[in-house]
Amino acid sequence: MGDPAKWFDFPVRELTVDAVLSHQARVRPDKVYVRTTEGTELTFAQVWRATNRLVNWFASIGLGHGSHVAVFMENEIECLMSHIAITRMGGVSVPINANSRGGILAHYLNFSDAAAVIATADFASRVLEIEDELTDLQSLIVVGEGAPDLNATRLCVLPFSASQVAPDTPVVSPARFSETAFILFTSGTTGPSKGVMFQQARAFMWDEGVVPAFGVSEDDVYFACTPLSHATGLFSG
Protein backbone atom coordinates (compact mmCIF):
# COMPACT_ATOMS: atom_id res chain seq x y z
CA MET A 1 0.00 0.00 0.00
CA GLY A 2 1.33 3.46 -0.91
CA ASP A 3 1.97 6.39 1.37
CA PRO A 4 -1.45 8.06 2.00
CA ALA A 5 0.32 11.40 2.43
CA LYS A 6 1.51 11.30 -1.18
CA TRP A 7 -0.02 11.25 -4.66
CA PHE A 8 2.59 9.22 -6.49
CA ASP A 9 5.70 11.22 -5.44
CA PHE A 10 3.83 14.46 -4.71
CA PRO A 11 2.95 15.40 -1.09
CA VAL A 12 -0.84 15.64 -0.90
CA ARG A 13 -0.68 18.84 1.15
CA GLU A 14 1.13 20.49 -1.76
CA LEU A 15 -1.15 19.05 -4.43
CA THR A 16 -2.67 21.95 -6.36
CA VAL A 17 -3.15 22.60 -10.07
CA ASP A 18 -0.58 25.39 -9.94
CA ALA A 19 2.02 23.30 -8.10
CA VAL A 20 1.73 20.32 -10.45
CA LEU A 21 1.76 22.38 -13.67
CA SER A 22 4.66 24.54 -12.45
CA HIS A 23 6.61 21.40 -11.56
CA GLN A 24 5.99 19.84 -14.97
CA ALA A 25 6.94 23.08 -16.74
CA ARG A 26 10.29 23.01 -14.90
CA VAL A 27 11.02 19.29 -15.26
CA ARG A 28 9.74 18.61 -18.80
CA PRO A 29 9.08 22.01 -20.41
CA ASP A 30 9.20 20.78 -24.02
CA LYS A 31 7.04 17.69 -23.58
CA VAL A 32 3.65 17.95 -25.30
CA TYR A 33 0.89 18.35 -22.72
CA VAL A 34 -2.13 18.54 -25.00
CA ARG A 35 -2.81 17.88 -28.68
CA THR A 36 -6.16 18.69 -30.30
CA THR A 37 -7.82 16.79 -33.14
CA GLU A 38 -7.22 19.90 -35.28
CA GLY A 39 -3.47 19.51 -34.76
CA THR A 40 -2.75 22.20 -32.16
CA GLU A 41 -0.03 21.16 -29.73
CA LEU A 42 0.99 22.84 -26.49
CA THR A 43 3.89 21.83 -24.27
CA PHE A 44 3.87 22.05 -20.50
CA ALA A 45 5.89 25.28 -20.69
CA GLN A 46 3.51 26.80 -23.22
CA VAL A 47 0.46 25.92 -21.12
CA TRP A 48 2.17 27.38 -18.05
CA ARG A 49 2.88 30.68 -19.86
CA ALA A 50 -0.57 30.81 -21.49
CA THR A 51 -2.34 30.33 -18.17
CA ASN A 52 -0.02 32.88 -16.52
CA ARG A 53 -1.39 35.40 -19.03
CA LEU A 54 -4.96 34.35 -18.33
CA VAL A 55 -4.54 34.61 -14.55
CA ASN A 56 -2.94 38.04 -14.86
CA TRP A 57 -5.74 39.19 -17.17
CA PHE A 58 -8.40 37.79 -14.84
CA ALA A 59 -6.88 39.87 -12.03
CA SER A 60 -7.13 43.00 -14.18
CA ILE A 61 -10.90 42.49 -14.59
CA GLY A 62 -11.54 41.74 -10.93
CA LEU A 63 -11.38 37.95 -10.82
CA GLY A 64 -9.06 36.17 -8.40
CA HIS A 65 -8.78 33.96 -5.34
CA GLY A 66 -12.24 32.69 -4.45
CA SER A 67 -13.97 33.82 -7.64
CA HIS A 68 -16.43 31.34 -9.14
CA VAL A 69 -16.17 31.25 -12.94
CA ALA A 70 -18.31 29.08 -15.22
CA VAL A 71 -16.91 27.60 -18.45
CA PHE A 72 -19.54 26.98 -21.12
CA MET A 73 -18.38 25.60 -24.47
CA GLU A 74 -17.43 22.43 -26.32
CA ASN A 75 -14.02 20.80 -25.80
CA GLU A 76 -12.08 23.77 -27.15
CA ILE A 77 -8.44 24.43 -26.21
CA GLU A 78 -9.70 27.63 -24.54
CA CYS A 79 -11.95 25.47 -22.37
CA LEU A 80 -9.02 23.54 -20.94
CA MET A 81 -6.86 26.67 -20.54
CA SER A 82 -9.69 28.40 -18.70
CA HIS A 83 -10.14 25.55 -16.21
CA ILE A 84 -6.41 25.49 -15.51
CA ALA A 85 -6.11 29.26 -15.13
CA ILE A 86 -9.16 29.58 -12.87
CA THR A 87 -7.86 26.92 -10.49
CA ARG A 88 -4.29 28.28 -10.61
CA MET A 89 -5.54 31.66 -9.39
CA GLY A 90 -7.34 29.94 -6.52
CA GLY A 91 -10.77 30.36 -8.05
CA VAL A 92 -13.51 27.79 -8.49
CA SER A 93 -14.12 26.56 -12.02
CA VAL A 94 -17.68 25.52 -12.90
CA PRO A 95 -17.91 23.35 -16.06
CA ILE A 96 -21.31 23.71 -17.72
CA ASN A 97 -22.86 20.95 -19.85
CA ALA A 98 -23.01 22.08 -23.49
CA ASN A 99 -26.66 21.00 -23.76
CA SER A 100 -27.75 23.49 -21.09
CA ARG A 101 -30.14 26.33 -21.80
CA GLY A 102 -33.04 28.15 -20.18
CA GLY A 103 -34.02 27.25 -16.63
CA ILE A 104 -31.41 24.54 -16.06
CA LEU A 105 -28.63 26.89 -17.22
CA ALA A 106 -29.90 29.56 -14.82
CA HIS A 107 -29.90 26.93 -12.06
CA TYR A 108 -26.26 26.02 -12.74
CA LEU A 109 -25.06 29.62 -12.81
CA ASN A 110 -27.05 30.82 -9.80
CA PHE A 111 -26.49 27.76 -7.63
CA SER A 112 -22.71 27.90 -8.23
CA ASP A 113 -22.48 31.66 -7.45
CA ALA A 114 -20.78 32.27 -10.79
CA ALA A 115 -19.45 35.82 -11.11
CA ALA A 116 -18.37 35.30 -14.74
CA VAL A 117 -18.96 32.94 -17.63
CA ILE A 118 -16.41 32.07 -20.31
CA ALA A 119 -18.24 30.91 -23.44
CA THR A 120 -18.05 30.75 -27.21
CA ALA A 121 -20.48 33.12 -28.97
CA ASP A 122 -23.21 30.53 -29.58
CA PHE A 123 -23.25 29.55 -25.92
CA ALA A 124 -22.90 33.16 -24.77
CA SER A 125 -26.16 33.97 -26.56
CA ARG A 126 -27.90 31.35 -24.38
CA VAL A 127 -26.61 33.16 -21.30
CA LEU A 128 -28.00 36.47 -22.54
CA GLU A 129 -31.41 34.88 -23.09
CA ILE A 130 -31.70 34.42 -19.31
CA GLU A 131 -29.65 37.46 -18.26
CA ASP A 132 -32.42 38.87 -16.04
CA GLU A 133 -32.59 35.60 -14.07
CA LEU A 134 -28.88 35.55 -13.16
CA THR A 135 -28.46 37.03 -9.70
CA ASP A 136 -24.70 37.10 -9.20
CA LEU A 137 -23.31 37.02 -12.72
CA GLN A 138 -21.35 40.14 -13.66
CA SER A 139 -19.22 39.33 -16.71
CA LEU A 140 -19.56 37.34 -19.93
CA ILE A 141 -16.21 36.52 -21.54
CA VAL A 142 -16.61 35.50 -25.17
CA VAL A 143 -14.19 33.14 -26.93
CA GLY A 144 -13.65 33.66 -30.66
CA GLU A 145 -15.58 36.00 -32.92
CA GLY A 146 -18.92 37.42 -31.93
CA ALA A 147 -18.41 39.46 -28.75
CA PRO A 148 -19.18 42.83 -30.43
CA ASP A 149 -22.48 41.45 -31.78
CA LEU A 150 -23.83 40.40 -28.38
CA ASN A 151 -26.16 42.92 -26.75
CA ALA A 152 -26.28 42.72 -22.98
CA THR A 153 -28.46 44.91 -20.81
CA ARG A 154 -26.59 44.35 -17.54
CA LEU A 155 -23.61 42.06 -18.04
CA CYS A 156 -20.16 43.28 -18.98
CA VAL A 157 -19.24 41.51 -22.25
CA LEU A 158 -15.49 41.04 -22.80
CA PRO A 159 -13.49 39.31 -25.55
CA PHE A 160 -11.37 36.38 -24.38
CA SER A 161 -8.76 37.50 -26.92
CA ALA A 162 -7.95 40.50 -24.71
CA SER A 163 -6.05 38.10 -22.45
CA GLN A 164 -3.42 37.59 -25.16
CA VAL A 165 -1.84 40.98 -24.44
CA ALA A 166 -1.57 40.32 -20.70
CA PRO A 167 1.93 39.61 -19.34
CA ASP A 168 2.98 36.01 -18.78
CA THR A 169 4.61 36.98 -15.48
CA PRO A 170 4.75 33.89 -13.25
CA VAL A 171 1.75 33.47 -11.00
CA VAL A 172 2.06 33.27 -7.22
CA SER A 173 -0.91 31.05 -6.49
CA PRO A 174 -2.71 31.35 -3.15
CA ALA A 175 -4.56 28.05 -3.70
CA ARG A 176 -4.29 25.31 -1.09
CA PHE A 177 -4.75 21.57 -1.56
CA SER A 178 -7.93 21.55 0.53
CA GLU A 179 -9.70 24.44 -1.23
CA THR A 180 -12.52 23.86 -3.69
CA ALA A 181 -11.26 23.92 -7.28
CA PHE A 182 -14.30 22.69 -9.25
CA ILE A 183 -18.06 22.43 -8.91
CA LEU A 184 -19.44 19.76 -11.25
CA PHE A 185 -23.16 19.20 -11.59
CA THR A 186 -24.87 15.83 -11.48
CA SER A 187 -27.23 14.74 -14.26
CA GLY A 188 -30.32 15.59 -12.21
CA THR A 189 -32.05 12.25 -12.78
CA THR A 190 -34.11 12.37 -9.57
CA GLY A 191 -34.37 16.14 -9.11
CA PRO A 192 -32.51 19.40 -9.74
CA SER A 193 -28.83 18.83 -10.53
CA LYS A 194 -26.62 18.98 -7.47
CA GLY A 195 -23.25 20.72 -7.39
CA VAL A 196 -20.41 18.39 -6.37
CA MET A 197 -17.34 20.14 -4.96
CA PHE A 198 -13.88 18.84 -5.81
CA GLN A 199 -10.91 20.12 -3.86
CA GLN A 200 -7.60 20.90 -5.58
CA ALA A 201 -5.98 17.64 -4.39
CA ARG A 202 -9.10 15.57 -5.03
CA ALA A 203 -9.14 16.63 -8.68
CA PHE A 204 -5.90 14.68 -9.15
CA MET A 205 -6.74 11.76 -6.90
CA TRP A 206 -10.23 11.13 -8.33
CA ASP A 207 -9.00 8.76 -11.03
CA GLU A 208 -5.52 7.82 -9.85
CA GLY A 209 -6.35 4.09 -10.07
CA VAL A 210 -6.33 4.33 -13.88
CA VAL A 211 -2.53 4.64 -13.97
CA PRO A 212 -1.61 1.35 -12.25
CA ALA A 213 -4.69 -0.52 -13.55
CA PHE A 214 -3.88 0.15 -17.21
CA GLY A 215 -0.14 0.64 -16.96
CA VAL A 216 -0.31 4.23 -18.23
CA SER A 217 3.10 5.89 -18.56
CA GLU A 218 4.41 9.29 -19.64
CA ASP A 219 4.99 7.84 -23.12
CA ASP A 220 1.28 7.16 -23.68
CA VAL A 221 -1.27 9.43 -25.37
CA TYR A 222 -4.61 9.60 -23.56
CA PHE A 223 -7.58 10.30 -25.85
CA ALA A 224 -10.15 12.42 -23.97
CA CYS A 225 -13.38 11.97 -25.92
CA THR A 226 -15.88 12.85 -23.18
CA PRO A 227 -16.91 16.45 -22.39
CA LEU A 228 -14.75 18.53 -20.09
CA SER A 229 -17.97 19.31 -18.21
CA HIS A 230 -17.94 15.69 -16.98
CA ALA A 231 -15.49 14.27 -14.44
CA THR A 232 -14.30 11.54 -16.81
CA GLY A 233 -13.25 14.16 -19.37
CA LEU A 234 -11.92 16.75 -16.95
CA PHE A 235 -10.04 14.55 -14.48
CA SER A 236 -9.29 11.27 -16.28
CA GLY A 237 -7.44 13.05 -19.08
C-alpha atoms as a PDB file:
ATOM      1  CA  MET A   1       0.000   0.000   0.000  1.00  0.00           C
ATOM      2  CA  GLY A   2       1.328   3.459  -0.909  1.00  0.00           C
ATOM      3  CA  ASP A   3       1.969   6.386   1.366  1.00  0.00           C
ATOM      4  CA  PRO A   4      -1.448   8.060   1.996  1.00  0.00           C
ATOM      5  CA  ALA A   5       0.319  11.398   2.427  1.00  0.00           C
ATOM      6  CA  LYS A   6       1.513  11.297  -1.177  1.00  0.00           C
ATOM      7  CA  TRP A   7      -0.025  11.249  -4.661  1.00  0.00           C
ATOM      8  CA  PHE A   8       2.589   9.222  -6.490  1.00  0.00           C
ATOM      9  CA  ASP A   9       5.700  11.216  -5.440  1.00  0.00           C
ATOM     10  CA  PHE A  10       3.831  14.463  -4.712  1.00  0.00           C
ATOM     11  CA  PRO A  11       2.950  15.400  -1.090  1.00  0.00           C
ATOM     12  CA  VAL A  12      -0.844  15.642  -0.897  1.00  0.00           C
ATOM     13  CA  ARG A  13      -0.683  18.840   1.152  1.00  0.00           C
ATOM     14  CA  GLU A  14       1.134  20.491  -1.762  1.00  0.00           C
ATOM     15  CA  LEU A  15      -1.155  19.048  -4.427  1.00  0.00           C
ATOM     16  CA  THR A  16      -2.674  21.948  -6.363  1.00  0.00           C
ATOM     17  CA  VAL A  17      -3.146  22.595 -10.070  1.00  0.00           C
ATOM     18  CA  ASP A  18      -0.580  25.385  -9.938  1.00  0.00           C
ATOM     19  CA  ALA A  19       2.021  23.299  -8.098  1.00  0.00           C
ATOM     20  CA  VAL A  20       1.733  20.322 -10.455  1.00  0.00           C
ATOM     21  CA  LEU A  21       1.760  22.375 -13.666  1.00  0.00           C
ATOM     22  CA  SER A  22       4.663  24.537 -12.454  1.00  0.00           C
ATOM     23  CA  HIS A  23       6.611  21.398 -11.561  1.00  0.00           C
ATOM     24  CA  GLN A  24       5.986  19.840 -14.975  1.00  0.00           C
ATOM     25  CA  ALA A  25       6.942  23.079 -16.740  1.00  0.00           C
ATOM     26  CA  ARG A  26      10.286  23.013 -14.901  1.00  0.00           C
ATOM     27  CA  VAL A  27      11.022  19.294 -15.258  1.00  0.00           C
ATOM     28  CA  ARG A  28       9.737  18.612 -18.800  1.00  0.00           C
ATOM     29  CA  PRO A  29       9.076  22.010 -20.412  1.00  0.00           C
ATOM     30  CA  ASP A  30       9.200  20.778 -24.017  1.00  0.00           C
ATOM     31  CA  LYS A  31       7.042  17.688 -23.581  1.00  0.00           C
ATOM     32  CA  VAL A  32       3.650  17.953 -25.296  1.00  0.00           C
ATOM     33  CA  TYR A  33       0.893  18.351 -22.718  1.00  0.00           C
ATOM     34  CA  VAL A  34      -2.130  18.543 -24.996  1.00  0.00           C
ATOM     35  CA  ARG A  35      -2.815  17.884 -28.679  1.00  0.00           C
ATOM     36  CA  THR A  36      -6.162  18.693 -30.297  1.00  0.00           C
ATOM     37  CA  THR A  37      -7.817  16.793 -33.143  1.00  0.00           C
ATOM     38  CA  GLU A  38      -7.217  19.904 -35.277  1.00  0.00           C
ATOM     39  CA  GLY A  39      -3.467  19.511 -34.757  1.00  0.00           C
ATOM     40  CA  THR A  40      -2.755  22.199 -32.163  1.00  0.00           C
ATOM     41  CA  GLU A  41      -0.031  21.164 -29.735  1.00  0.00           C
ATOM     42  CA  LEU A  42       0.986  22.840 -26.495  1.00  0.00           C
ATOM     43  CA  THR A  43       3.892  21.834 -24.274  1.00  0.00           C
ATOM     44  CA  PHE A  44       3.865  22.048 -20.495  1.00  0.00           C
ATOM     45  CA  ALA A  45       5.885  25.278 -20.687  1.00  0.00           C
ATOM     46  CA  GLN A  46       3.507  26.800 -23.223  1.00  0.00           C
ATOM     47  CA  VAL A  47       0.460  25.915 -21.119  1.00  0.00           C
ATOM     48  CA  TRP A  48       2.172  27.384 -18.052  1.00  0.00           C
ATOM     49  CA  ARG A  49       2.878  30.676 -19.859  1.00  0.00           C
ATOM     50  CA  ALA A  50      -0.571  30.806 -21.487  1.00  0.00           C
ATOM     51  CA  THR A  51      -2.336  30.327 -18.171  1.00  0.00           C
ATOM     52  CA  ASN A  52      -0.023  32.884 -16.519  1.00  0.00           C
ATOM     53  CA  ARG A  53      -1.393  35.403 -19.033  1.00  0.00           C
ATOM     54  CA  LEU A  54      -4.956  34.346 -18.328  1.00  0.00           C
ATOM     55  CA  VAL A  55      -4.544  34.605 -14.548  1.00  0.00           C
ATOM     56  CA  ASN A  56      -2.936  38.040 -14.863  1.00  0.00           C
ATOM     57  CA  TRP A  57      -5.740  39.190 -17.165  1.00  0.00           C
ATOM     58  CA  PHE A  58      -8.401  37.787 -14.835  1.00  0.00           C
ATOM     59  CA  ALA A  59      -6.876  39.866 -12.033  1.00  0.00           C
ATOM     60  CA  SER A  60      -7.132  42.998 -14.175  1.00  0.00           C
ATOM     61  CA  ILE A  61     -10.903  42.490 -14.589  1.00  0.00           C
ATOM     62  CA  GLY A  62     -11.540  41.742 -10.931  1.00  0.00           C
ATOM     63  CA  LEU A  63     -11.384  37.948 -10.818  1.00  0.00           C
ATOM     64  CA  GLY A  64      -9.060  36.168  -8.404  1.00  0.00           C
ATOM     65  CA  HIS A  65      -8.777  33.960  -5.345  1.00  0.00           C
ATOM     66  CA  GLY A  66     -12.235  32.686  -4.448  1.00  0.00           C
ATOM     67  CA  SER A  67     -13.971  33.824  -7.643  1.00  0.00           C
ATOM     68  CA  HIS A  68     -16.434  31.343  -9.137  1.00  0.00           C
ATOM     69  CA  VAL A  69     -16.173  31.247 -12.936  1.00  0.00           C
ATOM     70  CA  ALA A  70     -18.313  29.080 -15.216  1.00  0.00           C
ATOM     71  CA  VAL A  71     -16.909  27.603 -18.445  1.00  0.00           C
ATOM     72  CA  PHE A  72     -19.539  26.977 -21.118  1.00  0.00           C
ATOM     73  CA  MET A  73     -18.377  25.604 -24.471  1.00  0.00           C
ATOM     74  CA  GLU A  74     -17.430  22.432 -26.317  1.00  0.00           C
ATOM     75  CA  ASN A  75     -14.015  20.796 -25.796  1.00  0.00           C
ATOM     76  CA  GLU A  76     -12.076  23.773 -27.148  1.00  0.00           C
ATOM     77  CA  ILE A  77      -8.443  24.427 -26.214  1.00  0.00           C
ATOM     78  CA  GLU A  78      -9.698  27.627 -24.537  1.00  0.00           C
ATOM     79  CA  CYS A  79     -11.954  25.470 -22.373  1.00  0.00           C
ATOM     80  CA  LEU A  80      -9.017  23.545 -20.938  1.00  0.00           C
ATOM     81  CA  MET A  81      -6.862  26.665 -20.541  1.00  0.00           C
ATOM     82  CA  SER A  82      -9.694  28.400 -18.698  1.00  0.00           C
ATOM     83  CA  HIS A  83     -10.144  25.551 -16.211  1.00  0.00           C
ATOM     84  CA  ILE A  84      -6.414  25.489 -15.511  1.00  0.00           C
ATOM     85  CA  ALA A  85      -6.114  29.264 -15.126  1.00  0.00           C
ATOM     86  CA  ILE A  86      -9.164  29.581 -12.867  1.00  0.00           C
ATOM     87  CA  THR A  87      -7.860  26.921 -10.493  1.00  0.00           C
ATOM     88  CA  ARG A  88      -4.292  28.278 -10.611  1.00  0.00           C
ATOM     89  CA  MET A  89      -5.536  31.661  -9.391  1.00  0.00           C
ATOM     90  CA  GLY A  90      -7.339  29.943  -6.515  1.00  0.00           C
ATOM     91  CA  GLY A  91     -10.769  30.360  -8.048  1.00  0.00           C
ATOM     92  CA  VAL A  92     -13.511  27.789  -8.485  1.00  0.00           C
ATOM     93  CA  SER A  93     -14.122  26.559 -12.021  1.00  0.00           C
ATOM     94  CA  VAL A  94     -17.683  25.518 -12.899  1.00  0.00           C
ATOM     95  CA  PRO A  95     -17.907  23.351 -16.058  1.00  0.00           C
ATOM     96  CA  ILE A  96     -21.311  23.708 -17.721  1.00  0.00           C
ATOM     97  CA  ASN A  97     -22.860  20.952 -19.853  1.00  0.00           C
ATOM     98  CA  ALA A  98     -23.007  22.079 -23.488  1.00  0.00           C
ATOM     99  CA  ASN A  99     -26.664  20.996 -23.756  1.00  0.00           C
ATOM    100  CA  SER A 100     -27.754  23.486 -21.086  1.00  0.00           C
ATOM    101  CA  ARG A 101     -30.135  26.328 -21.798  1.00  0.00           C
ATOM    102  CA  GLY A 102     -33.038  28.154 -20.176  1.00  0.00           C
ATOM    103  CA  GLY A 103     -34.016  27.249 -16.628  1.00  0.00           C
ATOM    104  CA  ILE A 104     -31.408  24.539 -16.064  1.00  0.00           C
ATOM    105  CA  LEU A 105     -28.633  26.892 -17.225  1.00  0.00           C
ATOM    106  CA  ALA A 106     -29.895  29.562 -14.821  1.00  0.00           C
ATOM    107  CA  HIS A 107     -29.897  26.929 -12.058  1.00  0.00           C
ATOM    108  CA  TYR A 108     -26.261  26.015 -12.741  1.00  0.00           C
ATOM    109  CA  LEU A 109     -25.064  29.621 -12.814  1.00  0.00           C
ATOM    110  CA  ASN A 110     -27.046  30.822  -9.801  1.00  0.00           C
ATOM    111  CA  PHE A 111     -26.486  27.758  -7.628  1.00  0.00           C
ATOM    112  CA  SER A 112     -22.712  27.903  -8.231  1.00  0.00           C
ATOM    113  CA  ASP A 113     -22.480  31.656  -7.449  1.00  0.00           C
ATOM    114  CA  ALA A 114     -20.776  32.267 -10.790  1.00  0.00           C
ATOM    115  CA  ALA A 115     -19.446  35.821 -11.115  1.00  0.00           C
ATOM    116  CA  ALA A 116     -18.372  35.304 -14.740  1.00  0.00           C
ATOM    117  CA  VAL A 117     -18.965  32.937 -17.632  1.00  0.00           C
ATOM    118  CA  ILE A 118     -16.407  32.075 -20.313  1.00  0.00           C
ATOM    119  CA  ALA A 119     -18.241  30.914 -23.443  1.00  0.00           C
ATOM    120  CA  THR A 120     -18.051  30.752 -27.211  1.00  0.00           C
ATOM    121  CA  ALA A 121     -20.481  33.116 -28.968  1.00  0.00           C
ATOM    122  CA  ASP A 122     -23.214  30.532 -29.584  1.00  0.00           C
ATOM    123  CA  PHE A 123     -23.250  29.546 -25.917  1.00  0.00           C
ATOM    124  CA  ALA A 124     -22.900  33.158 -24.771  1.00  0.00           C
ATOM    125  CA  SER A 125     -26.161  33.967 -26.557  1.00  0.00           C
ATOM    126  CA  ARG A 126     -27.901  31.354 -24.382  1.00  0.00           C
ATOM    127  CA  VAL A 127     -26.611  33.158 -21.295  1.00  0.00           C
ATOM    128  CA  LEU A 128     -27.996  36.473 -22.545  1.00  0.00           C
ATOM    129  CA  GLU A 129     -31.406  34.881 -23.088  1.00  0.00           C
ATOM    130  CA  ILE A 130     -31.698  34.423 -19.308  1.00  0.00           C
ATOM    131  CA  GLU A 131     -29.653  37.463 -18.263  1.00  0.00           C
ATOM    132  CA  ASP A 132     -32.419  38.865 -16.035  1.00  0.00           C
ATOM    133  CA  GLU A 133     -32.594  35.602 -14.068  1.00  0.00           C
ATOM    134  CA  LEU A 134     -28.882  35.546 -13.158  1.00  0.00           C
ATOM    135  CA  THR A 135     -28.463  37.025  -9.702  1.00  0.00           C
ATOM    136  CA  ASP A 136     -24.699  37.096  -9.199  1.00  0.00           C
ATOM    137  CA  LEU A 137     -23.308  37.019 -12.719  1.00  0.00           C
ATOM    138  CA  GLN A 138     -21.353  40.139 -13.661  1.00  0.00           C
ATOM    139  CA  SER A 139     -19.224  39.326 -16.711  1.00  0.00           C
ATOM    140  CA  LEU A 140     -19.562  37.345 -19.928  1.00  0.00           C
ATOM    141  CA  ILE A 141     -16.210  36.517 -21.542  1.00  0.00           C
ATOM    142  CA  VAL A 142     -16.609  35.498 -25.173  1.00  0.00           C
ATOM    143  CA  VAL A 143     -14.189  33.144 -26.925  1.00  0.00           C
ATOM    144  CA  GLY A 144     -13.651  33.658 -30.661  1.00  0.00           C
ATOM    145  CA  GLU A 145     -15.576  35.998 -32.917  1.00  0.00           C
ATOM    146  CA  GLY A 146     -18.917  37.424 -31.932  1.00  0.00           C
ATOM    147  CA  ALA A 147     -18.408  39.459 -28.753  1.00  0.00           C
ATOM    148  CA  PRO A 148     -19.180  42.828 -30.430  1.00  0.00           C
ATOM    149  CA  ASP A 149     -22.481  41.447 -31.776  1.00  0.00           C
ATOM    150  CA  LEU A 150     -23.834  40.402 -28.381  1.00  0.00           C
ATOM    151  CA  ASN A 151     -26.165  42.919 -26.753  1.00  0.00           C
ATOM    152  CA  ALA A 152     -26.277  42.716 -22.981  1.00  0.00           C
ATOM    153  CA  THR A 153     -28.458  44.912 -20.806  1.00  0.00           C
ATOM    154  CA  ARG A 154     -26.591  44.351 -17.539  1.00  0.00           C
ATOM    155  CA  LEU A 155     -23.613  42.057 -18.035  1.00  0.00           C
ATOM    156  CA  CYS A 156     -20.157  43.283 -18.981  1.00  0.00           C
ATOM    157  CA  VAL A 157     -19.236  41.514 -22.247  1.00  0.00           C
ATOM    158  CA  LEU A 158     -15.491  41.045 -22.798  1.00  0.00           C
ATOM    159  CA  PRO A 159     -13.490  39.314 -25.553  1.00  0.00           C
ATOM    160  CA  PHE A 160     -11.374  36.379 -24.384  1.00  0.00           C
ATOM    161  CA  SER A 161      -8.755  37.496 -26.923  1.00  0.00           C
ATOM    162  CA  ALA A 162      -7.952  40.503 -24.712  1.00  0.00           C
ATOM    163  CA  SER A 163      -6.052  38.104 -22.454  1.00  0.00           C
ATOM    164  CA  GLN A 164      -3.421  37.593 -25.158  1.00  0.00           C
ATOM    165  CA  VAL A 165      -1.840  40.978 -24.441  1.00  0.00           C
ATOM    166  CA  ALA A 166      -1.566  40.320 -20.699  1.00  0.00           C
ATOM    167  CA  PRO A 167       1.929  39.614 -19.337  1.00  0.00           C
ATOM    168  CA  ASP A 168       2.981  36.008 -18.779  1.00  0.00           C
ATOM    169  CA  THR A 169       4.614  36.982 -15.484  1.00  0.00           C
ATOM    170  CA  PRO A 170       4.752  33.888 -13.247  1.00  0.00           C
ATOM    171  CA  VAL A 171       1.753  33.470 -10.995  1.00  0.00           C
ATOM    172  CA  VAL A 172       2.057  33.271  -7.219  1.00  0.00           C
ATOM    173  CA  SER A 173      -0.909  31.048  -6.488  1.00  0.00           C
ATOM    174  CA  PRO A 174      -2.714  31.350  -3.145  1.00  0.00           C
ATOM    175  CA  ALA A 175      -4.559  28.054  -3.703  1.00  0.00           C
ATOM    176  CA  ARG A 176      -4.286  25.313  -1.090  1.00  0.00           C
ATOM    177  CA  PHE A 177      -4.747  21.572  -1.558  1.00  0.00           C
ATOM    178  CA  SER A 178      -7.934  21.553   0.532  1.00  0.00           C
ATOM    179  CA  GLU A 179      -9.702  24.435  -1.233  1.00  0.00           C
ATOM    180  CA  THR A 180     -12.525  23.864  -3.687  1.00  0.00           C
ATOM    181  CA  ALA A 181     -11.264  23.916  -7.278  1.00  0.00           C
ATOM    182  CA  PHE A 182     -14.297  22.687  -9.248  1.00  0.00           C
ATOM    183  CA  ILE A 183     -18.058  22.435  -8.912  1.00  0.00           C
ATOM    184  CA  LEU A 184     -19.439  19.763 -11.246  1.00  0.00           C
ATOM    185  CA  PHE A 185     -23.159  19.203 -11.585  1.00  0.00           C
ATOM    186  CA  THR A 186     -24.868  15.831 -11.482  1.00  0.00           C
ATOM    187  CA  SER A 187     -27.227  14.739 -14.262  1.00  0.00           C
ATOM    188  CA  GLY A 188     -30.320  15.586 -12.212  1.00  0.00           C
ATOM    189  CA  THR A 189     -32.053  12.247 -12.775  1.00  0.00           C
ATOM    190  CA  THR A 190     -34.111  12.370  -9.570  1.00  0.00           C
ATOM    191  CA  GLY A 191     -34.366  16.143  -9.111  1.00  0.00           C
ATOM    192  CA  PRO A 192     -32.511  19.405  -9.740  1.00  0.00           C
ATOM    193  CA  SER A 193     -28.825  18.833 -10.530  1.00  0.00           C
ATOM    194  CA  LYS A 194     -26.615  18.979  -7.468  1.00  0.00           C
ATOM    195  CA  GLY A 195     -23.250  20.720  -7.390  1.00  0.00           C
ATOM    196  CA  VAL A 196     -20.413  18.391  -6.368  1.00  0.00           C
ATOM    197  CA  MET A 197     -17.342  20.139  -4.961  1.00  0.00           C
ATOM    198  CA  PHE A 198     -13.875  18.843  -5.812  1.00  0.00           C
ATOM    199  CA  GLN A 199     -10.906  20.116  -3.856  1.00  0.00           C
ATOM    200  CA  GLN A 200      -7.602  20.898  -5.575  1.00  0.00           C
ATOM    201  CA  ALA A 201      -5.984  17.639  -4.389  1.00  0.00           C
ATOM    202  CA  ARG A 202      -9.097  15.568  -5.030  1.00  0.00           C
ATOM    203  CA  ALA A 203      -9.142  16.633  -8.680  1.00  0.00           C
ATOM    204  CA  PHE A 204      -5.902  14.684  -9.152  1.00  0.00           C
ATOM    205  CA  MET A 205      -6.736  11.758  -6.897  1.00  0.00           C
ATOM    206  CA  TRP A 206     -10.225  11.134  -8.332  1.00  0.00           C
ATOM    207  CA  ASP A 207      -9.004   8.761 -11.031  1.00  0.00           C
ATOM    208  CA  GLU A 208      -5.518   7.818  -9.848  1.00  0.00           C
ATOM    209  CA  GLY A 209      -6.353   4.094 -10.065  1.00  0.00           C
ATOM    210  CA  VAL A 210      -6.326   4.334 -13.878  1.00  0.00           C
ATOM    211  CA  VAL A 211      -2.531   4.644 -13.965  1.00  0.00           C
ATOM    212  CA  PRO A 212      -1.615   1.346 -12.248  1.00  0.00           C
ATOM    213  CA  ALA A 213      -4.694  -0.519 -13.552  1.00  0.00           C
ATOM    214  CA  PHE A 214      -3.884   0.147 -17.211  1.00  0.00           C
ATOM    215  CA  GLY A 215      -0.137   0.638 -16.961  1.00  0.00           C
ATOM    216  CA  VAL A 216      -0.307   4.229 -18.231  1.00  0.00           C
ATOM    217  CA  SER A 217       3.099   5.890 -18.558  1.00  0.00           C
ATOM    218  CA  GLU A 218       4.408   9.294 -19.638  1.00  0.00           C
ATOM    219  CA  ASP A 219       4.992   7.840 -23.118  1.00  0.00           C
ATOM    220  CA  ASP A 220       1.284   7.163 -23.681  1.00  0.00           C
ATOM    221  CA  VAL A 221      -1.270   9.425 -25.370  1.00  0.00           C
ATOM    222  CA  TYR A 222      -4.613   9.599 -23.555  1.00  0.00           C
ATOM    223  CA  PHE A 223      -7.585  10.304 -25.852  1.00  0.00           C
ATOM    224  CA  ALA A 224     -10.147  12.420 -23.975  1.00  0.00           C
ATOM    225  CA  CYS A 225     -13.380  11.971 -25.915  1.00  0.00           C
ATOM    226  CA  THR A 226     -15.875  12.845 -23.182  1.00  0.00           C
ATOM    227  CA  PRO A 227     -16.911  16.446 -22.386  1.00  0.00           C
ATOM    228  CA  LEU A 228     -14.753  18.526 -20.094  1.00  0.00           C
ATOM    229  CA  SER A 229     -17.967  19.312 -18.211  1.00  0.00           C
ATOM    230  CA  HIS A 230     -17.937  15.694 -16.975  1.00  0.00           C
ATOM    231  CA  ALA A 231     -15.494  14.266 -14.442  1.00  0.00           C
ATOM    232  CA  THR A 232     -14.302  11.542 -16.813  1.00  0.00           C
ATOM    233  CA  GLY A 233     -13.254  14.160 -19.368  1.00  0.00           C
ATOM    234  CA  LEU A 234     -11.917  16.752 -16.954  1.00  0.00           C
ATOM    235  CA  PHE A 235     -10.040  14.549 -14.481  1.00  0.00           C
ATOM    236  CA  SER A 236      -9.294  11.270 -16.280  1.00  0.00           C
ATOM    237  CA  GLY A 237      -7.441  13.049 -19.079  1.00  0.00           C
END
